[in-house]
Amino acid sequence: MWKTDYEGDFHYTCLTCCLDSNGSPKHNSTITVVQVQNITKALREFGGYDFMATILERNLQSVQTYCDEFLFFVDRQNRFTIYGNNAITLFVPPDKAIGFKEWNNFDYQIVMSKVDKETLSKGSTLVPASVKQNLIVDEVRDDGTVIINRVKVNHWNIYNDGHVIVHGTEKFFNHHWDLNTFSLLSRSYATVDGGSALSNQNLLQ
């Protein structure tokens, strides 16, 4: 594991797969740091995403380090740290969808690329931070409707600074969906005001 001093602040460690033989990051390039508070401010101003804004403020540090085409992680100050001239996209559900007991692994809501409505096509795949299974674009309709993993994207560019893009979805993606099996590994979010108590549950197997 490694630590890097950026702007006088020590950041989180990265997995050893991201290190070279000298113990330094393989991805030595420009570092982009995005304050999560900028994203949560945009969500609250847009309206209907207060619950998700709170989740981002309190639970992002559980997001796994991504180290493949580029390095991405969440640092101790709850900031997105992106190496190189890369971008990530968050797909966030509204408050009414989070009112249910189901809570999916948030890693699956973060895609490791810039996702534009105009560039999507049916059957294309998106790589999430958790690379267990890619997201699939099910439909791109003539009226502009886009459905990913059977979930409709209904608000585009709630936030977009060129490195972090946020789109609104009707609910969480199901990260165990495919055509042959249906399994939902979820988390129960106990409370917002009282803290971020999350517990794993297997609802369907």
Protein backbone atom coordinates (compact mmCIF):
# COMPACT_ATOMS: atom_id res chain seq x y z
CA MET A 1 0.00 0.00 0.00
CA TRP A 2 1.07 3.57 -0.54
CA LYS A 3 0.36 7.08 0.56
CA THR A 4 0.80 10.23 -1.44
CA ASP A 5 1.01 13.79 -0.19
CA TYR A 6 -1.21 16.01 -2.36
CA GLU A 7 -1.85 19.63 -1.40
CA GLY A 8 -0.42 18.88 2.05
CA ASP A 9 -2.96 16.19 2.83
CA PHE A 10 -2.40 12.43 3.07
CA HIS A 11 -4.78 10.40 0.99
CA TYR A 12 -6.12 6.90 1.27
CA THR A 13 -4.05 3.90 0.35
CA CYS A 14 -4.25 2.09 -2.95
CA LEU A 15 -4.24 -1.64 -3.62
CA THR A 16 -0.82 -3.18 -4.35
CA CYS A 17 -1.96 -4.01 -7.90
CA CYS A 18 -1.59 -0.29 -8.62
CA LEU A 19 2.08 -0.18 -7.57
CA ASP A 20 5.22 -0.63 -9.59
CA SER A 21 8.31 -2.52 -8.39
CA ASN A 22 9.45 0.56 -6.45
CA GLY A 23 6.17 0.85 -4.56
CA SER A 24 5.05 3.95 -6.46
CA PRO A 25 1.71 4.35 -8.26
CA LYS A 26 1.79 2.98 -11.80
CA HIS A 27 -0.49 5.80 -12.91
CA ASN A 28 1.89 8.75 -12.57
CA SER A 29 -0.11 11.49 -14.22
CA THR A 30 -2.30 14.50 -13.55
CA ILE A 31 -4.42 14.21 -10.42
CA THR A 32 -7.96 15.62 -10.41
CA VAL A 33 -9.65 16.11 -7.03
CA VAL A 34 -13.38 16.83 -6.88
CA GLN A 35 -15.08 17.89 -3.66
CA VAL A 36 -18.09 15.70 -2.93
CA GLN A 37 -19.81 18.71 -1.36
CA ASN A 38 -20.04 20.27 -4.84
CA ILE A 39 -21.99 17.22 -6.01
CA THR A 40 -24.27 17.07 -2.98
CA LYS A 41 -25.00 20.79 -3.32
CA ALA A 42 -26.11 20.23 -6.93
CA LEU A 43 -28.31 17.28 -5.92
CA ARG A 44 -30.07 19.30 -3.22
CA GLU A 45 -30.56 22.30 -5.48
CA PHE A 46 -32.00 20.08 -8.23
CA GLY A 47 -34.54 18.72 -5.76
CA GLY A 48 -35.65 15.22 -4.83
CA TYR A 49 -32.16 13.87 -4.09
CA ASP A 50 -31.61 14.86 -0.44
CA PHE A 51 -31.31 11.27 0.75
CA MET A 52 -28.69 10.45 -1.88
CA ALA A 53 -26.76 13.62 -1.01
CA THR A 54 -26.59 12.43 2.60
CA ILE A 55 -25.48 8.95 1.51
CA LEU A 56 -22.66 10.50 -0.53
CA GLU A 57 -21.58 12.61 2.43
CA ARG A 58 -21.53 9.73 4.90
CA ASN A 59 -20.84 6.48 3.06
CA LEU A 60 -18.56 7.18 0.10
CA GLN A 61 -15.43 6.00 1.90
CA SER A 62 -16.70 2.43 1.57
CA VAL A 63 -16.30 2.69 -2.22
CA GLN A 64 -13.55 0.36 -3.43
CA THR A 65 -10.38 1.67 -5.06
CA TYR A 66 -10.52 1.26 -8.84
CA CYS A 67 -7.24 0.50 -10.59
CA ASP A 68 -7.51 -0.64 -14.17
CA GLU A 69 -7.39 1.82 -17.07
CA PHE A 70 -6.74 4.54 -14.49
CA LEU A 71 -6.61 5.03 -10.73
CA PHE A 72 -9.64 6.29 -8.81
CA PHE A 73 -10.38 6.37 -5.09
CA VAL A 74 -12.18 8.39 -2.41
CA ASP A 75 -9.77 10.11 0.00
CA ARG A 76 -10.09 10.74 3.72
CA GLN A 77 -11.62 14.15 3.13
CA ASN A 78 -14.45 12.57 1.14
CA ARG A 79 -13.15 13.74 -2.23
CA PHE A 80 -13.03 11.95 -5.56
CA THR A 81 -9.41 11.48 -6.64
CA ILE A 82 -8.99 10.67 -10.34
CA TYR A 83 -5.66 10.07 -12.08
CA GLY A 84 -5.13 11.29 -15.62
CA ASN A 85 -7.54 13.17 -17.82
CA ASN A 86 -10.34 10.72 -17.03
CA ALA A 87 -13.94 10.99 -15.91
CA ILE A 88 -16.41 8.99 -13.85
CA THR A 89 -20.22 8.99 -13.90
CA LEU A 90 -22.57 8.55 -10.95
CA PHE A 91 -26.11 7.25 -11.41
CA VAL A 92 -28.23 8.32 -8.45
CA PRO A 93 -31.82 7.39 -7.53
CA PRO A 94 -34.29 9.89 -6.01
CA ASP A 95 -35.50 10.01 -2.42
CA LYS A 96 -38.68 8.09 -3.23
CA ALA A 97 -36.64 5.10 -4.47
CA ILE A 98 -34.43 5.03 -1.38
CA GLY A 99 -37.50 4.83 0.83
CA PHE A 100 -37.53 1.07 0.21
CA LYS A 101 -35.56 -1.33 2.36
CA GLU A 102 -33.28 -2.44 -0.48
CA TRP A 103 -29.89 -0.78 -0.75
CA ASN A 104 -27.46 -1.88 -3.44
CA ASN A 105 -23.70 -1.67 -3.28
CA PHE A 106 -23.01 1.94 -4.28
CA ASP A 107 -19.87 0.92 -6.21
CA TYR A 108 -22.25 -0.32 -8.89
CA GLN A 109 -23.71 3.17 -9.31
CA ILE A 110 -20.30 4.61 -10.28
CA VAL A 111 -19.19 4.06 -13.88
CA MET A 112 -15.52 4.43 -14.79
CA SER A 113 -16.02 6.66 -17.83
CA LYS A 114 -17.90 9.73 -19.03
CA VAL A 115 -21.42 8.67 -19.98
CA ASP A 116 -23.26 10.94 -22.41
CA LYS A 117 -26.82 10.30 -23.53
CA GLU A 118 -25.87 10.95 -27.16
CA THR A 119 -23.11 8.31 -27.25
CA LEU A 120 -25.10 5.38 -25.85
CA SER A 121 -26.45 2.58 -28.01
CA LYS A 122 -28.44 -0.56 -27.29
CA GLY A 123 -26.23 -3.42 -26.12
CA SER A 124 -23.28 -1.27 -25.13
CA THR A 125 -21.64 -1.96 -21.77
CA LEU A 126 -20.52 0.31 -18.95
CA VAL A 127 -17.81 -0.62 -16.44
CA PRO A 128 -18.73 0.13 -12.80
CA ALA A 129 -16.27 0.74 -9.95
CA SER A 130 -17.13 -2.76 -8.79
CA VAL A 131 -16.18 -4.78 -11.87
CA LYS A 132 -18.03 -7.96 -10.90
CA GLN A 133 -20.44 -7.42 -13.75
CA ASN A 134 -20.80 -4.68 -16.36
CA LEU A 135 -23.91 -2.58 -16.79
CA ILE A 136 -25.84 -3.19 -20.01
CA VAL A 137 -27.68 -0.55 -22.03
CA ASP A 138 -31.02 -2.28 -22.64
CA GLU A 139 -32.78 0.37 -24.70
CA VAL A 140 -32.16 3.69 -26.41
CA ARG A 141 -35.54 4.83 -27.71
CA ASP A 142 -36.36 7.34 -30.41
CA ASP A 143 -37.83 9.70 -27.81
CA GLY A 144 -34.48 9.80 -25.99
CA THR A 145 -35.38 7.37 -23.21
CA VAL A 146 -32.40 5.31 -22.03
CA ILE A 147 -32.74 2.14 -19.94
CA ILE A 148 -29.69 0.56 -18.28
CA ASN A 149 -29.95 -2.78 -16.43
CA ARG A 150 -33.74 -2.37 -16.66
CA VAL A 151 -33.57 0.99 -14.90
CA LYS A 152 -34.62 4.21 -16.64
CA VAL A 153 -32.29 7.22 -16.62
CA ASN A 154 -34.65 10.15 -16.15
CA HIS A 155 -32.44 13.16 -15.36
CA TRP A 156 -29.23 13.93 -17.24
CA ASN A 157 -26.33 16.11 -16.09
CA ILE A 158 -27.55 17.02 -12.64
CA TYR A 159 -23.87 17.73 -12.08
CA ASN A 160 -21.07 17.86 -14.65
CA ASP A 161 -17.63 19.40 -14.15
CA GLY A 162 -15.98 17.40 -16.93
CA HIS A 163 -14.48 14.84 -14.54
CA VAL A 164 -17.49 13.83 -12.45
CA ILE A 165 -20.90 13.55 -14.10
CA VAL A 166 -24.12 12.78 -12.24
CA HIS A 167 -27.31 11.42 -13.85
CA GLY A 168 -30.56 10.59 -12.06
CA THR A 169 -32.16 7.14 -12.31
CA GLU A 170 -35.58 5.87 -11.26
CA LYS A 171 -33.99 3.44 -8.76
CA PHE A 172 -30.76 1.62 -7.92
CA PHE A 173 -29.17 -0.68 -10.49
CA ASN A 174 -29.49 -4.36 -9.70
CA HIS A 175 -25.89 -5.55 -9.74
CA HIS A 176 -26.75 -9.26 -9.93
CA TRP A 177 -29.09 -9.06 -12.91
CA ASP A 178 -28.59 -11.13 -16.05
CA LEU A 179 -30.86 -13.05 -18.40
CA ASN A 180 -30.40 -16.43 -16.68
CA THR A 181 -30.31 -15.67 -12.99
CA PHE A 182 -31.76 -13.02 -10.73
CA SER A 183 -30.05 -12.38 -7.41
CA LEU A 184 -30.21 -9.24 -5.33
CA LEU A 185 -27.48 -8.55 -2.81
CA SER A 186 -28.64 -5.48 -0.97
CA ARG A 187 -28.04 -3.36 2.04
CA SER A 188 -30.53 -1.97 4.48
CA TYR A 189 -30.01 1.69 5.23
CA ALA A 190 -31.21 2.14 8.80
CA THR A 191 -31.24 5.91 9.25
CA VAL A 192 -29.92 9.17 7.90
CA ASP A 193 -29.99 11.44 10.94
CA GLY A 194 -28.82 8.73 13.30
CA GLY A 195 -25.82 7.70 11.20
CA SER A 196 -25.02 5.38 8.35
CA ALA A 197 -25.89 1.93 9.63
CA LEU A 198 -25.67 -0.50 6.74
CA SER A 199 -26.26 -4.25 6.94
CA ASN A 200 -25.84 -6.82 4.17
CA GLN A 201 -28.87 -8.87 3.19
CA ASN A 202 -29.47 -11.56 0.61
CA LEU A 203 -33.04 -10.91 -0.44
CA LEU A 204 -33.22 -13.19 -3.44
CA GLN A 205 -30.83 -15.94 -4.45
